[in-house]
């Protein structure tokens, strides 16, 4: 019981913020710039809008924290900021008309504000403060929700778009599931799987699904890095890879693939730079092989050199190779390649130096052997320590 009580008290301690000083100053600077521009413009607009009292509302300060510190949050997106604050201000005004400035009005205003934000998908914590502010100050005019509340919100959002974009943060941060681009690694956790898990979790998360998916992928890579230790691609790669060039005849490339029992050959130029890769799939994709009848004969025809001056048939590796080839750096941590092998179906990845010259190749077998070796060494060290 004492351990349980101690754990309960520990829950009140704040967690560490995993951001460096540069990011903290980026947030501070953004909030300062955003609030300054919003306040200055709204103060300037006050006479034109006929406002004689407030031209800036306190909840906008809370909105600034979200827009500039967590711009990827669903609660910080433009629709959430503008619609959340404006809608809740209108609800607060309505509660003042119906219930006055009583305690009941305060509770009902905030409750209705939250329910409405859920319904319109604009959940924004400062919106609750906007509703409460209307009750506490006894605002009766619905126009107050347009100026200053909506005006404050829109100007802050515009400042957030400019500042976050200039400082390398995506804003607005789309809340749609991200589909992997062609040629990129498919995430191990599919968007549909993540969405199903979130439905079962059934709690509001202040993080977008695409960011959550990216964090899961990063954590997976970090786990492989830990297991692989300090191993780099150069430590396990084959240093004398078989390669072909652009003009290598198809028959020669096919012979190398079958003789060496490999599924891919790097294609290099005269400076040994990787310009593509030819695989068994590239041979099978040739239109000559589309029909199944007489397939062996058509394959022989494809591989045989043409004796005439003109032909529509591919003759050299460069005519069928894939130019969208994934490569690894020699100094790249080996753990970073595990998701790539697992998600893209690659069996061989060329390893290049700083000038993209071919220096080696890594296969799935090389990766599995290195992983098993590291696990065995870790188990042996743990047994020796115990």
Protein backbone atom coordinates (compact mmCIF):
# COMPACT_ATOMS: atom_id res chain seq x y z
CA UNK A 1 0.00 0.00 0.00
CA UNK A 2 2.86 2.38 0.82
CA UNK A 3 4.47 1.74 -2.57
CA UNK A 4 1.15 2.44 -4.28
CA UNK A 5 0.77 5.68 -2.32
CA UNK A 6 4.32 6.74 -3.16
CA UNK A 7 3.67 6.08 -6.85
CA UNK A 8 0.48 8.14 -6.68
CA UNK A 9 2.33 11.15 -5.27
CA UNK A 10 5.01 10.81 -7.95
CA UNK A 11 2.31 11.31 -10.60
CA UNK A 12 2.13 14.96 -9.54
CA UNK A 13 5.75 15.61 -10.52
CA UNK A 14 6.20 17.33 -13.90
CA UNK A 15 7.82 15.34 -16.68
CA UNK A 16 10.89 16.49 -18.57
CA UNK A 17 10.36 18.48 -21.74
CA UNK A 18 12.28 16.80 -24.57
CA UNK A 19 13.10 20.05 -26.37
CA UNK A 20 16.41 21.89 -26.52
CA UNK A 21 17.13 25.55 -25.79
CA UNK A 22 16.84 26.50 -29.46
CA UNK A 23 13.28 25.19 -29.68
CA UNK A 24 12.34 26.91 -26.43
CA UNK A 25 13.59 30.24 -27.72
CA UNK A 26 11.75 29.62 -31.00
CA UNK A 27 8.50 29.25 -29.04
CA UNK A 28 9.20 32.31 -26.90
CA UNK A 29 10.04 34.44 -29.93
CA UNK A 30 6.96 33.29 -31.81
CA UNK A 31 4.61 34.07 -28.94
CA UNK A 32 6.18 37.52 -28.53
CA UNK A 33 5.95 38.36 -32.25
CA UNK A 34 2.45 36.89 -32.64
CA UNK A 35 1.00 38.69 -29.63
CA UNK A 36 2.70 41.97 -30.52
CA UNK A 37 1.32 41.97 -34.07
CA UNK A 38 -2.14 40.88 -32.94
CA UNK A 39 -2.30 43.50 -30.19
CA UNK A 40 -0.96 46.30 -32.38
CA UNK A 41 -3.29 45.63 -35.30
CA UNK A 42 -6.37 45.14 -33.13
CA UNK A 43 -5.60 48.33 -31.21
CA UNK A 44 -5.26 50.15 -34.51
CA UNK A 45 -8.56 48.67 -35.76
CA UNK A 46 -10.47 49.55 -32.57
CA UNK A 47 -11.69 53.00 -33.69
CA UNK A 48 -12.78 51.64 -37.09
CA UNK A 49 -14.73 48.86 -35.36
CA UNK A 50 -16.37 51.28 -32.93
CA UNK A 51 -14.79 49.52 -29.95
CA UNK A 52 -14.39 51.75 -26.92
CA UNK A 53 -13.25 49.15 -24.41
CA UNK A 54 -11.50 45.81 -24.99
CA UNK A 55 -9.45 45.31 -28.16
CA UNK A 56 -7.57 42.22 -26.90
CA UNK A 57 -8.92 39.29 -24.87
CA UNK A 58 -6.94 37.23 -22.37
CA UNK A 59 -7.66 33.76 -23.88
CA UNK A 60 -5.60 34.76 -26.92
CA UNK A 61 -2.51 34.47 -24.72
CA UNK A 62 -3.34 30.83 -24.14
CA UNK A 63 -3.98 30.37 -27.87
CA UNK A 64 -0.50 31.76 -28.55
CA UNK A 65 1.03 29.02 -26.40
CA UNK A 66 -0.61 26.37 -28.57
CA UNK A 67 0.03 28.04 -31.95
CA UNK A 68 3.73 28.69 -31.35
CA UNK A 69 4.77 25.95 -28.91
CA UNK A 70 2.78 22.97 -30.25
CA UNK A 71 1.90 23.92 -33.86
CA UNK A 72 1.35 20.26 -34.77
CA UNK A 73 -1.36 19.81 -32.12
CA UNK A 74 -4.92 19.28 -33.40
CA UNK A 75 -5.98 21.89 -30.81
CA UNK A 76 -3.66 24.52 -32.30
CA UNK A 77 -4.85 24.38 -35.91
CA UNK A 78 -6.41 27.47 -37.53
CA UNK A 79 -9.95 26.10 -37.50
CA UNK A 80 -9.65 25.16 -33.84
CA UNK A 81 -8.28 28.59 -32.86
CA UNK A 82 -10.70 30.78 -34.79
CA UNK A 83 -13.85 28.67 -34.59
CA UNK A 84 -13.18 27.52 -31.03
CA UNK A 85 -12.67 30.99 -29.59
CA UNK A 86 -15.46 32.65 -31.60
CA UNK A 87 -18.06 29.95 -31.03
CA UNK A 88 -17.37 29.78 -27.32
CA UNK A 89 -17.58 33.56 -27.00
CA UNK A 90 -21.04 33.46 -28.59
CA UNK A 91 -22.08 30.71 -26.19
CA UNK A 92 -20.85 32.79 -23.26
CA UNK A 93 -22.84 35.81 -24.45
CA UNK A 94 -25.97 33.65 -24.81
CA UNK A 95 -25.52 32.32 -21.26
CA UNK A 96 -25.25 35.89 -19.93
CA UNK A 97 -28.59 36.71 -21.59
CA UNK A 98 -30.25 33.58 -20.18
CA UNK A 99 -28.59 33.14 -16.78
CA UNK A 100 -26.87 36.43 -16.04
CA UNK A 101 -23.43 36.36 -14.43
CA UNK A 102 -24.19 33.70 -11.84
CA UNK A 103 -22.21 30.61 -10.93
CA UNK A 104 -24.71 28.60 -12.97
CA UNK A 105 -23.93 30.70 -16.03
CA UNK A 106 -20.20 30.05 -15.64
CA UNK A 107 -20.63 26.27 -15.40
CA UNK A 108 -23.18 26.02 -18.20
CA UNK A 109 -21.16 28.27 -20.54
CA UNK A 110 -17.98 26.23 -20.23
CA UNK A 111 -19.85 22.91 -20.52
CA UNK A 112 -21.76 24.01 -23.62
CA UNK A 113 -18.55 25.41 -25.09
CA UNK A 114 -16.80 22.04 -24.78
CA UNK A 115 -19.78 20.14 -26.22
CA UNK A 116 -20.01 22.53 -29.16
CA UNK A 117 -16.29 22.35 -29.90
CA UNK A 118 -16.49 18.55 -29.95
CA UNK A 119 -19.44 18.73 -32.36
CA UNK A 120 -17.69 21.13 -34.75
CA UNK A 121 -14.25 19.50 -34.40
CA UNK A 122 -12.64 22.68 -33.11
CA UNK A 123 -11.57 21.62 -29.61
CA UNK A 124 -9.40 24.47 -28.34
CA UNK A 125 -8.73 24.84 -24.57
CA UNK A 126 -8.70 28.67 -24.61
CA UNK A 127 -12.23 28.45 -26.03
CA UNK A 128 -13.47 27.49 -22.57
CA UNK A 129 -11.76 30.60 -21.23
CA UNK A 130 -13.47 32.70 -23.92
CA UNK A 131 -16.89 31.46 -22.81
CA UNK A 132 -16.07 32.07 -19.16
CA UNK A 133 -14.71 35.56 -19.90
CA UNK A 134 -18.05 36.58 -21.40
CA UNK A 135 -19.85 35.51 -18.22
CA UNK A 136 -17.38 37.09 -15.80
CA UNK A 137 -17.42 40.44 -17.60
CA UNK A 138 -21.17 40.34 -18.34
CA UNK A 139 -20.79 40.83 -22.12
CA UNK A 140 -24.24 41.17 -23.74
CA UNK A 141 -23.28 42.07 -27.30
CA UNK A 142 -22.84 39.17 -29.76
CA UNK A 143 -20.67 41.48 -31.86
CA UNK A 144 -17.99 41.12 -29.17
CA UNK A 145 -17.42 37.58 -30.47
CA UNK A 146 -16.44 39.05 -33.85
CA UNK A 147 -14.38 41.91 -32.51
CA UNK A 148 -12.17 41.49 -30.65
CA UNK A 149 -12.42 37.68 -30.22
CA UNK A 150 -12.56 36.50 -33.85
CA UNK A 151 -10.25 39.31 -35.02
CA UNK A 152 -7.68 38.43 -32.35
CA UNK A 153 -7.86 34.76 -33.30
CA UNK A 154 -7.49 35.29 -37.05
CA UNK A 155 -4.55 37.68 -36.70
CA UNK A 156 -2.80 35.30 -34.32
CA UNK A 157 -3.30 32.43 -36.77
CA UNK A 158 -1.87 34.50 -39.65
CA UNK A 159 1.15 35.37 -37.53
CA UNK A 160 1.48 31.68 -36.60
CA UNK A 161 1.42 30.59 -40.25
CA UNK A 162 4.18 33.05 -41.17
CA UNK A 163 6.40 32.48 -38.14
CA UNK A 164 6.12 28.68 -37.98
CA UNK A 165 6.79 28.37 -41.72
CA UNK A 166 9.85 30.61 -41.51
CA UNK A 167 11.23 28.65 -38.54
CA UNK A 168 10.75 25.21 -40.10
CA UNK A 169 7.49 24.10 -38.50
CA UNK A 170 4.57 22.91 -40.63
CA UNK A 171 1.52 25.04 -39.90
CA UNK A 172 -1.28 24.43 -40.59
CA UNK A 173 -0.41 20.86 -39.69
CA UNK A 174 -2.78 18.62 -41.67
CA UNK A 175 -4.72 16.11 -39.63
CA UNK A 176 -5.27 13.64 -42.49
CA UNK A 177 -3.64 10.20 -42.48
CA UNK A 178 -0.34 10.33 -44.36
CA UNK A 179 0.08 7.94 -47.30
CA UNK A 180 3.64 6.89 -48.05
CA UNK A 181 4.98 8.34 -51.29
CA UNK A 182 5.91 5.90 -54.06
CA UNK A 183 9.36 4.45 -53.47
CA UNK A 184 9.42 5.27 -49.77
CA UNK A 185 9.32 2.81 -46.91
CA UNK A 186 5.85 1.82 -45.78
CA UNK A 187 5.39 2.38 -42.05
CA UNK A 188 5.38 -0.77 -39.95
CA UNK A 189 2.28 0.53 -38.17
CA UNK A 190 -0.37 1.18 -40.80
CA UNK A 191 -2.56 4.27 -40.50
CA UNK A 192 -5.65 2.06 -40.19
CA UNK A 193 -4.03 0.11 -37.33
CA UNK A 194 -3.16 3.31 -35.51
CA UNK A 195 -6.66 4.68 -36.00
CA UNK A 196 -8.20 1.47 -34.62
CA UNK A 197 -5.94 1.69 -31.56
CA UNK A 198 -6.92 5.32 -31.01
CA UNK A 199 -10.59 4.41 -31.20
CA UNK A 200 -10.10 1.78 -28.48
CA UNK A 201 -8.02 4.22 -26.40
CA UNK A 202 -11.00 6.60 -26.55
CA UNK A 203 -9.25 9.66 -25.10
CA UNK A 204 -8.35 13.00 -26.59
CA UNK A 205 -4.67 13.13 -27.55
CA UNK A 206 -2.89 16.41 -28.13
CA UNK A 207 -0.87 14.96 -31.02
CA UNK A 208 -1.82 14.38 -34.66
CA UNK A 209 -2.02 10.79 -35.98
CA UNK A 210 0.75 11.38 -38.54
CA UNK A 211 3.10 12.71 -35.84
CA UNK A 212 2.26 9.75 -33.63
CA UNK A 213 3.02 7.38 -36.50
CA UNK A 214 6.31 9.17 -37.17
CA UNK A 215 7.26 8.93 -33.48
CA UNK A 216 6.55 5.19 -33.47
CA UNK A 217 8.80 4.76 -36.52
CA UNK A 218 11.57 6.82 -34.88
CA UNK A 219 11.30 4.81 -31.67
CA UNK A 220 11.56 1.59 -33.68
CA UNK A 221 14.72 2.81 -35.41
CA UNK A 222 16.15 3.94 -32.08
CA UNK A 223 15.52 0.46 -30.68
CA UNK A 224 17.42 -1.12 -33.56
CA UNK A 225 20.25 1.36 -33.06
CA UNK A 226 20.49 0.35 -29.43
CA UNK A 227 20.55 -3.33 -30.30
CA UNK A 228 23.06 -2.82 -33.11
CA UNK A 229 25.35 -0.80 -30.88
CA UNK A 230 27.90 1.21 -32.81
CA UNK A 231 27.81 -0.95 -35.94
CA UNK A 232 27.74 0.94 -39.23
CA UNK A 233 27.10 -0.29 -42.75
CA UNK A 234 30.85 -0.42 -43.39
CA UNK A 235 31.23 -3.00 -40.59
CA UNK A 236 29.03 -5.67 -42.21
CA UNK A 237 28.82 -4.87 -45.92
CA UNK A 238 30.31 -7.00 -48.66
CA UNK A 239 33.23 -4.94 -49.95
CA UNK A 240 33.53 -6.37 -53.45
CA UNK A 241 29.99 -6.16 -54.80
CA UNK A 242 29.10 -7.44 -58.24
CA UNK A 243 27.93 -4.58 -60.42
CA UNK A 244 27.08 -3.83 -64.04
CA UNK A 245 27.09 -0.66 -66.11
CA UNK A 246 24.49 0.98 -68.30
CA UNK A 247 25.58 -0.82 -71.45
CA UNK A 248 25.95 -4.32 -69.98
CA UNK A 249 24.01 -6.75 -72.23
CA UNK A 250 20.89 -8.23 -70.68
CA UNK A 251 22.21 -11.74 -71.21
CA UNK A 252 25.33 -10.95 -69.12
CA UNK A 253 23.29 -9.36 -66.32
CA UNK A 254 20.91 -12.34 -66.25
CA UNK A 255 23.85 -14.72 -66.07
CA UNK A 256 25.32 -12.84 -63.08
CA UNK A 257 21.99 -12.82 -61.25
CA UNK A 258 21.55 -16.58 -61.63
CA UNK A 259 25.19 -17.56 -61.18
CA UNK A 260 25.69 -15.52 -57.99
CA UNK A 261 22.16 -16.29 -56.71
CA UNK A 262 21.35 -12.64 -56.06
CA UNK A 263 18.19 -10.71 -56.79
CA UNK A 264 19.68 -7.31 -57.65
CA UNK A 265 22.76 -5.79 -59.26
CA UNK A 266 23.86 -2.15 -58.78
CA UNK A 267 24.29 -0.23 -62.02
CA UNK A 268 27.24 2.16 -62.01
CA UNK A 269 28.74 4.75 -64.34
CA UNK A 270 32.40 5.13 -65.32
CA UNK A 271 33.19 6.85 -62.01
CA UNK A 272 31.64 3.95 -60.07
CA UNK A 273 28.70 6.12 -58.98
CA UNK A 274 25.41 4.27 -58.51
CA UNK A 275 22.90 5.30 -61.16
CA UNK A 276 20.36 2.52 -60.78
CA UNK A 277 19.69 -1.10 -59.93
CA UNK A 278 18.55 -4.02 -62.04
CA UNK A 279 16.54 -6.81 -60.43
CA UNK A 280 14.81 -9.98 -61.47
CA UNK A 281 11.57 -8.00 -61.32
CA UNK A 282 12.90 -5.59 -63.96
CA UNK A 283 13.44 -8.51 -66.35
CA UNK A 284 9.98 -9.90 -65.63
CA UNK A 285 8.37 -6.49 -66.22
CA UNK A 286 9.40 -6.37 -69.88
CA UNK A 287 6.28 -6.41 -72.13
CA UNK A 288 7.77 -9.30 -74.11
CA UNK A 289 7.05 -11.57 -71.13
CA UNK A 290 3.45 -10.46 -70.49
CA UNK A 291 1.92 -13.60 -72.04
CA UNK A 292 2.40 -16.95 -70.32
CA UNK A 293 2.31 -19.09 -73.46
CA UNK A 294 5.82 -19.77 -74.74
CA UNK A 295 7.29 -17.82 -71.82
CA UNK A 296 10.68 -19.59 -71.89
CA UNK A 297 11.11 -18.89 -75.58
CA UNK A 298 10.22 -15.19 -75.11
CA UNK A 299 12.70 -14.93 -72.23
CA UNK A 300 15.40 -16.36 -74.46
CA UNK A 301 14.44 -13.86 -77.14
CA UNK A 302 14.67 -11.00 -74.65
CA UNK A 303 18.13 -12.06 -73.49
CA UNK A 304 19.54 -12.76 -76.93
CA UNK A 305 21.25 -9.84 -78.71
CA UNK A 306 19.50 -8.55 -81.81
CA UNK A 307 21.42 -9.12 -85.03
CA UNK A 308 19.69 -6.34 -86.99
CA UNK A 309 20.41 -2.61 -86.92
CA UNK A 310 16.99 -1.61 -85.55
CA UNK A 311 14.89 -3.17 -82.77
CA UNK A 312 12.20 -2.22 -80.30
CA UNK A 313 13.50 -4.77 -77.79
CA UNK A 314 15.60 -3.80 -74.77
CA UNK A 315 19.22 -4.75 -75.34
CA UNK A 316 21.15 -3.33 -72.36
CA UNK A 317 20.73 -3.07 -68.61
CA UNK A 318 20.21 0.69 -68.78
CA UNK A 319 17.00 0.19 -70.74
CA UNK A 320 15.25 -1.84 -68.03
CA UNK A 321 16.95 -0.76 -64.76
CA UNK A 322 15.21 1.13 -61.97
CA UNK A 323 16.67 4.59 -61.44
CA UNK A 324 14.83 5.15 -58.16
CA UNK A 325 17.34 3.18 -56.12
CA UNK A 326 17.79 3.28 -52.37
CA UNK A 327 21.36 3.45 -51.15
CA UNK A 328 23.03 3.57 -47.75
CA UNK A 329 26.08 5.51 -46.63
CA UNK A 330 29.12 3.60 -45.43
CA UNK A 331 29.03 5.47 -42.11
CA UNK A 332 25.27 5.12 -41.66
CA UNK A 333 24.18 3.30 -38.47
CA UNK A 334 23.15 -0.23 -39.34
CA UNK A 335 19.98 -0.01 -37.26
CA UNK A 336 18.51 2.55 -39.66
CA UNK A 337 18.34 -0.06 -42.42
CA UNK A 338 16.15 -2.54 -40.53
CA UNK A 339 12.82 -0.74 -41.21
CA UNK A 340 13.90 -0.24 -44.82
CA UNK A 341 14.51 -3.94 -45.40
CA UNK A 342 11.34 -4.88 -43.52
CA UNK A 343 8.98 -2.42 -45.21
CA UNK A 344 10.06 -2.10 -48.84
CA UNK A 345 10.88 -5.65 -49.88
CA UNK A 346 14.51 -4.78 -50.61
CA UNK A 347 16.94 -7.69 -50.43
CA UNK A 348 20.11 -5.81 -51.39
CA UNK A 349 21.02 -2.18 -50.67
CA UNK A 350 24.11 -0.64 -52.32
CA UNK A 351 26.48 1.18 -49.97
CA UNK A 352 28.10 4.38 -51.26
CA UNK A 353 30.67 6.89 -50.10
CA UNK A 354 30.26 10.66 -49.91
CA UNK A 355 30.42 10.99 -53.69
CA UNK A 356 27.87 8.22 -54.27
CA UNK A 357 30.54 5.79 -55.49
CA UNK A 358 29.77 2.13 -54.89
CA UNK A 359 31.88 0.73 -52.04
CA UNK A 360 29.83 -2.27 -50.92
CA UNK A 361 26.45 -3.92 -50.64
CA UNK A 362 24.33 -5.08 -47.69
CA UNK A 363 21.88 -7.95 -47.89
CA UNK A 364 19.12 -9.06 -45.58
CA UNK A 365 21.34 -11.97 -44.54
CA UNK A 366 24.11 -9.55 -43.52
CA UNK A 367 21.66 -7.58 -41.40
CA UNK A 368 20.13 -10.62 -39.70
CA UNK A 369 23.59 -12.05 -38.94
CA UNK A 370 24.71 -8.76 -37.38
CA UNK A 371 21.53 -8.52 -35.30
CA UNK A 372 21.90 -12.10 -34.03
CA UNK A 373 25.56 -11.50 -33.22
CA UNK A 374 24.77 -8.36 -31.23
CA UNK A 375 21.97 -10.11 -29.33
CA UNK A 376 24.28 -13.03 -28.50
CA UNK A 377 26.99 -10.69 -27.26
CA UNK A 378 24.47 -8.77 -25.14
CA UNK A 379 23.13 -12.01 -23.64
CA UNK A 380 26.65 -13.21 -22.87
CA UNK A 381 27.51 -9.91 -21.18
CA UNK A 382 24.32 -10.03 -19.12
CA UNK A 383 25.05 -13.62 -18.04
CA UNK A 384 28.60 -12.72 -17.06
CA UNK A 385 27.39 -9.71 -15.07
CA UNK A 386 24.89 -11.84 -13.14
